[in-house]
Amino acid sequence: MRPKPVYKNSLAIAATVLAFLLAATSALAQTSNFTYQGRLTDGSTAANGTYDLQFALFDNTSGGTQIGSIIGIVPTKVSTENGPIQVGDLLTTSSTPGYAMKALPLRIGKARVYRTGTILGKALESLKEGNGLIKVLVTLR
């Protein structure tokens, strides 16, 4: 009786591992540097120096509405529908379209748990009552 090979698909496994390692290497090679091929001004003069740039996605090339966000600190419309918002509160969608509100955890025994996929981010400013605009660290998960 002939012994069966231990790794019947060893070539396929080796190719998969090699592809994974090559993809991981190219992902690690990225940096935060980029080349801007336009004109950057500060008022009416050419920008010269160090600047803190923020990027946003709009629905039109001119005068459009912001439709998306890069993960980071974003001005967000909020409502106190679930109570006053304090710095550090987790936020979720409210019943008012386009607004976030304080997220309330589920209590399971002694643990406080937030439902997966419901948290938009963490409040970086507070709002005592009504509707307002506050800074939020967007952390979609």
N, C-alpha and C. Protein backbone atom coordinates (compact mmCIF):
# COMPACT_ATOMS: atom_id res chain seq x y z
N MET A 1 0.83 -1.18 0.00
CA MET A 1 0.00 0.00 0.00
C MET A 1 0.88 1.25 0.00
N ARG A 2 0.54 2.22 -0.86
CA ARG A 2 1.34 3.46 -0.97
C ARG A 2 0.84 4.49 0.05
N PRO A 3 1.74 5.18 0.71
CA PRO A 3 1.31 6.24 1.63
C PRO A 3 0.76 7.44 0.85
N LYS A 4 -0.29 8.05 1.38
CA LYS A 4 -0.90 9.21 0.73
C LYS A 4 -0.05 10.45 1.03
N PRO A 5 0.08 11.36 0.04
CA PRO A 5 0.87 12.57 0.28
C PRO A 5 0.20 13.44 1.35
N VAL A 6 1.04 13.99 2.24
CA VAL A 6 0.54 14.81 3.33
C VAL A 6 -0.03 16.13 2.80
N TYR A 7 0.67 16.76 1.88
CA TYR A 7 0.22 18.04 1.33
C TYR A 7 -0.12 17.86 -0.14
N LYS A 8 -1.35 17.48 -0.39
CA LYS A 8 -1.79 17.21 -1.76
C LYS A 8 -1.75 18.49 -2.60
N ASN A 9 -2.10 19.61 -1.99
CA ASN A 9 -2.15 20.87 -2.72
C ASN A 9 -1.05 21.82 -2.25
N SER A 10 0.15 21.31 -2.02
CA SER A 10 1.21 22.14 -1.47
C SER A 10 1.59 23.29 -2.40
N LEU A 11 1.51 23.11 -3.70
CA LEU A 11 1.83 24.19 -4.65
C LEU A 11 0.81 25.32 -4.52
N ALA A 12 -0.46 25.00 -4.41
CA ALA A 12 -1.50 26.02 -4.26
C ALA A 12 -1.34 26.76 -2.94
N ILE A 13 -1.00 26.05 -1.88
CA ILE A 13 -0.80 26.68 -0.58
C ILE A 13 0.40 27.63 -0.64
N ALA A 14 1.49 27.18 -1.24
CA ALA A 14 2.69 28.01 -1.35
C ALA A 14 2.41 29.27 -2.17
N ALA A 15 1.66 29.15 -3.25
CA ALA A 15 1.32 30.30 -4.09
C ALA A 15 0.45 31.29 -3.33
N THR A 16 -0.48 30.79 -2.54
CA THR A 16 -1.36 31.66 -1.74
C THR A 16 -0.55 32.42 -0.70
N VAL A 17 0.35 31.74 -0.01
CA VAL A 17 1.18 32.38 1.01
C VAL A 17 2.08 33.44 0.37
N LEU A 18 2.67 33.13 -0.79
CA LEU A 18 3.52 34.09 -1.49
C LEU A 18 2.74 35.32 -1.91
N ALA A 19 1.53 35.14 -2.43
CA ALA A 19 0.69 36.27 -2.84
C ALA A 19 0.34 37.14 -1.64
N PHE A 20 0.03 36.52 -0.51
CA PHE A 20 -0.29 37.26 0.71
C PHE A 20 0.91 38.09 1.17
N LEU A 21 2.09 37.49 1.17
CA LEU A 21 3.29 38.21 1.61
C LEU A 21 3.63 39.37 0.69
N LEU A 22 3.46 39.19 -0.62
CA LEU A 22 3.71 40.29 -1.56
C LEU A 22 2.71 41.43 -1.37
N ALA A 23 1.44 41.11 -1.11
CA ALA A 23 0.43 42.14 -0.88
C ALA A 23 0.72 42.88 0.41
N ALA A 24 1.13 42.19 1.45
CA ALA A 24 1.44 42.83 2.73
C ALA A 24 2.64 43.75 2.59
N THR A 25 3.64 43.36 1.81
CA THR A 25 4.83 44.19 1.62
C THR A 25 4.48 45.48 0.91
N SER A 26 3.64 45.42 -0.12
CA SER A 26 3.29 46.64 -0.85
C SER A 26 2.42 47.55 0.00
N ALA A 27 1.61 47.01 0.89
CA ALA A 27 0.77 47.83 1.76
C ALA A 27 1.63 48.55 2.79
N LEU A 28 2.68 47.92 3.28
CA LEU A 28 3.55 48.54 4.26
C LEU A 28 4.41 49.64 3.65
N ALA A 29 4.58 49.65 2.33
CA ALA A 29 5.46 50.62 1.69
C ALA A 29 4.81 52.00 1.53
N GLN A 30 3.53 52.14 1.82
CA GLN A 30 2.86 53.42 1.65
C GLN A 30 3.29 54.40 2.73
N THR A 31 3.34 55.68 2.36
CA THR A 31 3.68 56.73 3.31
C THR A 31 2.59 57.79 3.31
N SER A 32 2.75 58.79 4.16
CA SER A 32 1.77 59.88 4.20
C SER A 32 2.13 61.00 3.23
N ASN A 33 3.24 60.90 2.52
CA ASN A 33 3.65 61.92 1.57
C ASN A 33 2.86 61.79 0.28
N PHE A 34 2.59 62.91 -0.36
CA PHE A 34 1.93 62.91 -1.66
C PHE A 34 2.39 64.12 -2.44
N THR A 35 2.17 64.11 -3.74
CA THR A 35 2.52 65.24 -4.60
C THR A 35 1.24 65.93 -5.02
N TYR A 36 1.16 67.21 -4.72
CA TYR A 36 -0.01 68.01 -5.12
C TYR A 36 0.33 68.69 -6.43
N GLN A 37 -0.47 68.46 -7.47
CA GLN A 37 -0.18 69.00 -8.79
C GLN A 37 -1.13 70.14 -9.16
N GLY A 38 -1.44 70.96 -8.21
CA GLY A 38 -2.30 72.11 -8.45
C GLY A 38 -1.66 73.36 -7.89
N ARG A 39 -2.48 74.34 -7.56
CA ARG A 39 -1.96 75.58 -7.00
C ARG A 39 -2.58 75.78 -5.63
N LEU A 40 -1.75 75.93 -4.63
CA LEU A 40 -2.22 76.11 -3.26
C LEU A 40 -1.90 77.54 -2.84
N THR A 41 -2.95 78.28 -2.45
CA THR A 41 -2.75 79.68 -2.05
C THR A 41 -3.23 79.90 -0.63
N ASP A 42 -2.68 80.91 -0.02
CA ASP A 42 -3.08 81.37 1.30
C ASP A 42 -3.52 82.80 1.11
N GLY A 43 -4.82 83.00 0.97
CA GLY A 43 -5.33 84.32 0.58
C GLY A 43 -5.06 84.50 -0.90
N SER A 44 -4.28 85.51 -1.26
CA SER A 44 -3.97 85.73 -2.68
C SER A 44 -2.52 85.39 -3.00
N THR A 45 -1.74 84.97 -2.01
CA THR A 45 -0.34 84.64 -2.26
C THR A 45 -0.13 83.13 -2.26
N ALA A 46 0.93 82.72 -2.92
CA ALA A 46 1.25 81.29 -2.97
C ALA A 46 1.57 80.77 -1.56
N ALA A 47 1.04 79.63 -1.23
CA ALA A 47 1.29 79.04 0.09
C ALA A 47 2.75 78.60 0.18
N ASN A 48 3.38 78.94 1.28
CA ASN A 48 4.77 78.58 1.49
C ASN A 48 4.95 78.29 2.98
N GLY A 49 5.18 77.05 3.32
CA GLY A 49 5.34 76.69 4.72
C GLY A 49 4.62 75.39 5.02
N THR A 50 4.39 75.16 6.30
CA THR A 50 3.72 73.95 6.75
C THR A 50 2.23 74.24 6.96
N TYR A 51 1.36 73.41 6.40
CA TYR A 51 -0.08 73.59 6.51
C TYR A 51 -0.73 72.29 6.96
N ASP A 52 -1.81 72.39 7.71
CA ASP A 52 -2.60 71.24 8.13
C ASP A 52 -3.74 71.09 7.13
N LEU A 53 -3.64 70.12 6.23
CA LEU A 53 -4.65 69.94 5.19
C LEU A 53 -5.74 68.99 5.66
N GLN A 54 -6.98 69.28 5.27
CA GLN A 54 -8.10 68.39 5.53
C GLN A 54 -8.79 68.10 4.21
N PHE A 55 -9.13 66.84 3.98
CA PHE A 55 -9.76 66.43 2.74
C PHE A 55 -11.20 66.04 3.00
N ALA A 56 -12.07 66.32 2.03
CA ALA A 56 -13.48 65.97 2.15
C ALA A 56 -14.00 65.60 0.77
N LEU A 57 -15.09 64.83 0.73
CA LEU A 57 -15.71 64.38 -0.50
C LEU A 57 -17.02 65.14 -0.70
N PHE A 58 -17.20 65.76 -1.87
CA PHE A 58 -18.40 66.55 -2.16
C PHE A 58 -19.14 65.97 -3.35
N ASP A 59 -20.45 66.28 -3.46
CA ASP A 59 -21.28 65.74 -4.54
C ASP A 59 -21.25 66.59 -5.81
N ASN A 60 -20.49 67.68 -5.82
CA ASN A 60 -20.39 68.53 -7.00
C ASN A 60 -19.02 69.18 -6.99
N THR A 61 -18.50 69.53 -8.15
CA THR A 61 -17.17 70.13 -8.22
C THR A 61 -17.13 71.54 -7.67
N SER A 62 -18.27 72.21 -7.61
CA SER A 62 -18.31 73.58 -7.09
C SER A 62 -19.60 73.80 -6.30
N GLY A 63 -19.46 74.23 -5.05
CA GLY A 63 -20.64 74.53 -4.23
C GLY A 63 -21.47 73.33 -3.84
N GLY A 64 -20.88 72.14 -3.83
CA GLY A 64 -21.62 70.93 -3.51
C GLY A 64 -21.78 70.72 -2.01
N THR A 65 -22.45 69.64 -1.67
CA THR A 65 -22.68 69.25 -0.29
C THR A 65 -21.72 68.13 0.06
N GLN A 66 -21.13 68.18 1.25
CA GLN A 66 -20.23 67.12 1.67
C GLN A 66 -21.03 65.84 1.84
N ILE A 67 -20.56 64.76 1.20
CA ILE A 67 -21.31 63.50 1.22
C ILE A 67 -20.57 62.38 1.92
N GLY A 68 -19.39 62.60 2.32
CA GLY A 68 -18.65 61.53 2.96
C GLY A 68 -17.59 62.09 3.86
N SER A 69 -16.87 61.21 4.48
CA SER A 69 -15.84 61.66 5.41
C SER A 69 -14.73 60.64 5.45
N ILE A 70 -13.54 61.14 5.60
CA ILE A 70 -12.42 60.27 5.88
C ILE A 70 -12.44 60.08 7.40
N ILE A 71 -12.10 58.92 7.86
CA ILE A 71 -12.14 58.69 9.30
C ILE A 71 -11.26 59.73 9.98
N GLY A 72 -11.86 60.40 10.95
CA GLY A 72 -11.15 61.46 11.64
C GLY A 72 -12.14 62.34 12.38
N ILE A 73 -11.74 63.56 12.67
CA ILE A 73 -12.59 64.50 13.40
C ILE A 73 -13.46 65.25 12.41
N VAL A 74 -14.79 65.13 12.60
CA VAL A 74 -15.75 65.66 11.64
C VAL A 74 -16.83 66.47 12.37
N PRO A 75 -17.15 67.70 11.90
CA PRO A 75 -18.30 68.41 12.46
C PRO A 75 -19.57 67.62 12.17
N THR A 76 -20.37 67.34 13.19
CA THR A 76 -21.54 66.47 13.04
C THR A 76 -22.76 67.10 13.68
N LYS A 77 -23.90 67.04 12.96
CA LYS A 77 -25.17 67.52 13.52
C LYS A 77 -25.66 66.49 14.53
N VAL A 78 -25.97 66.96 15.74
CA VAL A 78 -26.41 66.05 16.80
C VAL A 78 -27.69 66.55 17.45
N SER A 79 -28.39 65.62 18.09
CA SER A 79 -29.63 65.89 18.81
C SER A 79 -29.51 65.32 20.22
N THR A 80 -30.15 65.97 21.18
CA THR A 80 -30.14 65.45 22.56
C THR A 80 -31.35 64.56 22.82
N GLU A 81 -31.83 63.92 21.78
CA GLU A 81 -33.00 63.02 21.86
C GLU A 81 -32.84 61.94 22.93
N ASN A 82 -31.62 61.42 23.12
CA ASN A 82 -31.37 60.39 24.14
C ASN A 82 -30.70 60.98 25.37
N GLY A 83 -30.79 62.28 25.56
CA GLY A 83 -30.17 62.93 26.71
C GLY A 83 -29.01 63.80 26.29
N PRO A 84 -28.53 64.64 27.22
CA PRO A 84 -27.40 65.52 26.93
C PRO A 84 -26.18 64.72 26.47
N ILE A 85 -25.40 65.31 25.57
CA ILE A 85 -24.20 64.66 25.05
C ILE A 85 -22.99 65.23 25.79
N GLN A 86 -22.20 64.33 26.36
CA GLN A 86 -20.97 64.71 27.06
C GLN A 86 -19.76 64.28 26.23
N VAL A 87 -18.64 64.93 26.46
CA VAL A 87 -17.40 64.54 25.79
C VAL A 87 -17.13 63.07 26.12
N GLY A 88 -16.86 62.27 25.09
CA GLY A 88 -16.57 60.85 25.29
C GLY A 88 -17.76 59.94 25.05
N ASP A 89 -18.99 60.51 24.96
CA ASP A 89 -20.17 59.68 24.68
C ASP A 89 -20.06 59.07 23.29
N LEU A 90 -20.52 57.83 23.15
CA LEU A 90 -20.61 57.20 21.83
C LEU A 90 -21.91 57.66 21.19
N LEU A 91 -21.87 57.88 19.87
CA LEU A 91 -23.03 58.40 19.15
C LEU A 91 -23.54 57.41 18.13
N THR A 92 -24.86 57.47 17.89
CA THR A 92 -25.53 56.62 16.91
C THR A 92 -26.50 57.50 16.13
N THR A 93 -27.20 56.93 15.16
CA THR A 93 -28.15 57.71 14.37
C THR A 93 -29.39 58.02 15.22
N SER A 94 -29.98 59.20 14.98
CA SER A 94 -31.20 59.59 15.71
C SER A 94 -32.41 59.42 14.80
N SER A 95 -33.59 59.69 15.34
CA SER A 95 -34.81 59.58 14.53
C SER A 95 -34.94 60.77 13.58
N THR A 96 -34.14 61.83 13.80
CA THR A 96 -34.11 62.98 12.89
C THR A 96 -33.09 62.68 11.80
N PRO A 97 -33.52 62.60 10.54
CA PRO A 97 -32.58 62.28 9.45
C PRO A 97 -31.39 63.25 9.42
N GLY A 98 -30.19 62.70 9.29
CA GLY A 98 -28.99 63.50 9.20
C GLY A 98 -28.38 63.90 10.53
N TYR A 99 -28.96 63.45 11.64
CA TYR A 99 -28.47 63.79 12.98
C TYR A 99 -28.04 62.55 13.74
N ALA A 100 -27.07 62.74 14.62
CA ALA A 100 -26.63 61.68 15.53
C ALA A 100 -27.15 62.00 16.93
N MET A 101 -27.18 61.00 17.79
CA MET A 101 -27.59 61.19 19.19
C MET A 101 -26.74 60.29 20.07
N LYS A 102 -26.83 60.50 21.37
CA LYS A 102 -26.11 59.69 22.34
C LYS A 102 -26.58 58.23 22.22
N ALA A 103 -25.64 57.31 22.14
CA ALA A 103 -25.98 55.89 22.08
C ALA A 103 -26.14 55.36 23.50
N LEU A 104 -27.15 54.54 23.70
CA LEU A 104 -27.39 53.93 25.01
C LEU A 104 -27.04 52.44 24.92
N PRO A 105 -26.22 51.95 25.84
CA PRO A 105 -25.81 50.54 25.78
C PRO A 105 -26.91 49.60 26.26
N LEU A 106 -26.80 48.36 25.80
CA LEU A 106 -27.64 47.29 26.34
C LEU A 106 -26.95 46.81 27.61
N ARG A 107 -27.72 46.43 28.59
CA ARG A 107 -27.14 45.88 29.82
C ARG A 107 -27.35 44.37 29.80
N ILE A 108 -26.25 43.65 29.83
CA ILE A 108 -26.29 42.19 29.87
C ILE A 108 -25.57 41.79 31.15
N GLY A 109 -26.36 41.47 32.16
CA GLY A 109 -25.78 41.22 33.48
C GLY A 109 -25.20 42.53 33.99
N LYS A 110 -23.92 42.54 34.30
CA LYS A 110 -23.25 43.75 34.76
C LYS A 110 -22.53 44.48 33.63
N ALA A 111 -22.53 43.87 32.45
CA ALA A 111 -21.80 44.46 31.31
C ALA A 111 -22.68 45.42 30.52
N ARG A 112 -22.05 46.48 30.01
CA ARG A 112 -22.72 47.42 29.10
C ARG A 112 -22.18 47.15 27.70
N VAL A 113 -23.07 46.85 26.75
CA VAL A 113 -22.68 46.45 25.41
C VAL A 113 -23.40 47.31 24.38
N TYR A 114 -22.66 47.77 23.38
CA TYR A 114 -23.25 48.51 22.26
C TYR A 114 -23.39 47.56 21.09
N ARG A 115 -24.53 47.62 20.40
CA ARG A 115 -24.76 46.74 19.26
C ARG A 115 -23.73 47.03 18.16
N THR A 116 -23.17 45.97 17.58
CA THR A 116 -22.20 46.11 16.50
C THR A 116 -22.84 46.82 15.31
N GLY A 117 -22.10 47.78 14.74
CA GLY A 117 -22.57 48.49 13.55
C GLY A 117 -23.44 49.69 13.84
N THR A 118 -23.70 50.00 15.12
CA THR A 118 -24.58 51.13 15.42
C THR A 118 -23.83 52.38 15.85
N ILE A 119 -22.55 52.28 16.14
CA ILE A 119 -21.78 53.42 16.64
C ILE A 119 -21.17 54.19 15.48
N LEU A 120 -21.43 55.51 15.44
CA LEU A 120 -20.87 56.38 14.41
C LEU A 120 -19.53 56.95 14.83
N GLY A 121 -19.40 57.25 16.12
CA GLY A 121 -18.16 57.85 16.59
C GLY A 121 -18.27 58.29 18.03
N LYS A 122 -17.27 59.07 18.48
CA LYS A 122 -17.19 59.52 19.87
C LYS A 122 -17.25 61.04 19.91
N ALA A 123 -18.11 61.58 20.77
CA ALA A 123 -18.27 63.02 20.91
C ALA A 123 -17.00 63.65 21.48
N LEU A 124 -16.52 64.72 20.83
CA LEU A 124 -15.37 65.45 21.32
C LEU A 124 -15.78 66.78 21.95
N GLU A 125 -17.08 67.08 21.85
CA GLU A 125 -17.65 68.27 22.47
C GLU A 125 -18.98 67.88 23.08
N SER A 126 -19.53 68.74 23.93
CA SER A 126 -20.79 68.41 24.58
C SER A 126 -21.92 69.28 24.02
N LEU A 127 -23.16 68.84 24.25
CA LEU A 127 -24.36 69.60 23.89
C LEU A 127 -25.40 69.31 24.97
N LYS A 128 -25.86 70.37 25.65
CA LYS A 128 -26.78 70.19 26.78
C LYS A 128 -28.20 69.90 26.35
N GLU A 129 -28.70 70.64 25.33
CA GLU A 129 -30.09 70.41 24.90
C GLU A 129 -30.30 70.86 23.46
N GLY A 130 -31.34 70.29 22.85
CA GLY A 130 -31.70 70.67 21.49
C GLY A 130 -30.84 70.02 20.43
N ASN A 131 -30.70 70.71 19.31
CA ASN A 131 -29.87 70.25 18.19
C ASN A 131 -28.67 71.17 18.06
N GLY A 132 -27.58 70.65 17.58
CA GLY A 132 -26.39 71.46 17.40
C GLY A 132 -25.35 70.77 16.55
N LEU A 133 -24.21 71.43 16.42
CA LEU A 133 -23.10 70.92 15.63
C LEU A 133 -21.90 70.76 16.56
N ILE A 134 -21.36 69.55 16.67
CA ILE A 134 -20.20 69.31 17.52
C ILE A 134 -19.15 68.52 16.74
N LYS A 135 -17.94 68.51 17.26
CA LYS A 135 -16.87 67.71 16.65
C LYS A 135 -17.02 66.27 17.15
N VAL A 136 -16.87 65.33 16.19
CA VAL A 136 -16.99 63.90 16.50
C VAL A 136 -15.82 63.16 15.88
N LEU A 137 -15.21 62.26 16.64
CA LEU A 137 -14.20 61.38 16.09
C LEU A 137 -14.95 60.22 15.44
N VAL A 138 -14.99 60.22 14.11
CA VAL A 138 -15.73 59.20 13.36
C VAL A 138 -14.94 57.91 13.38
N THR A 139 -15.58 56.86 13.86
CA THR A 139 -14.96 55.54 13.96
C THR A 139 -15.99 54.49 13.59
N LEU A 140 -16.36 54.43 12.34
CA LEU A 140 -17.37 53.47 11.92
C LEU A 140 -16.86 52.06 12.16
N ARG A 141 -17.69 51.27 12.83
CA ARG A 141 -17.34 49.87 13.09
C ARG A 141 -18.57 49.02 13.12
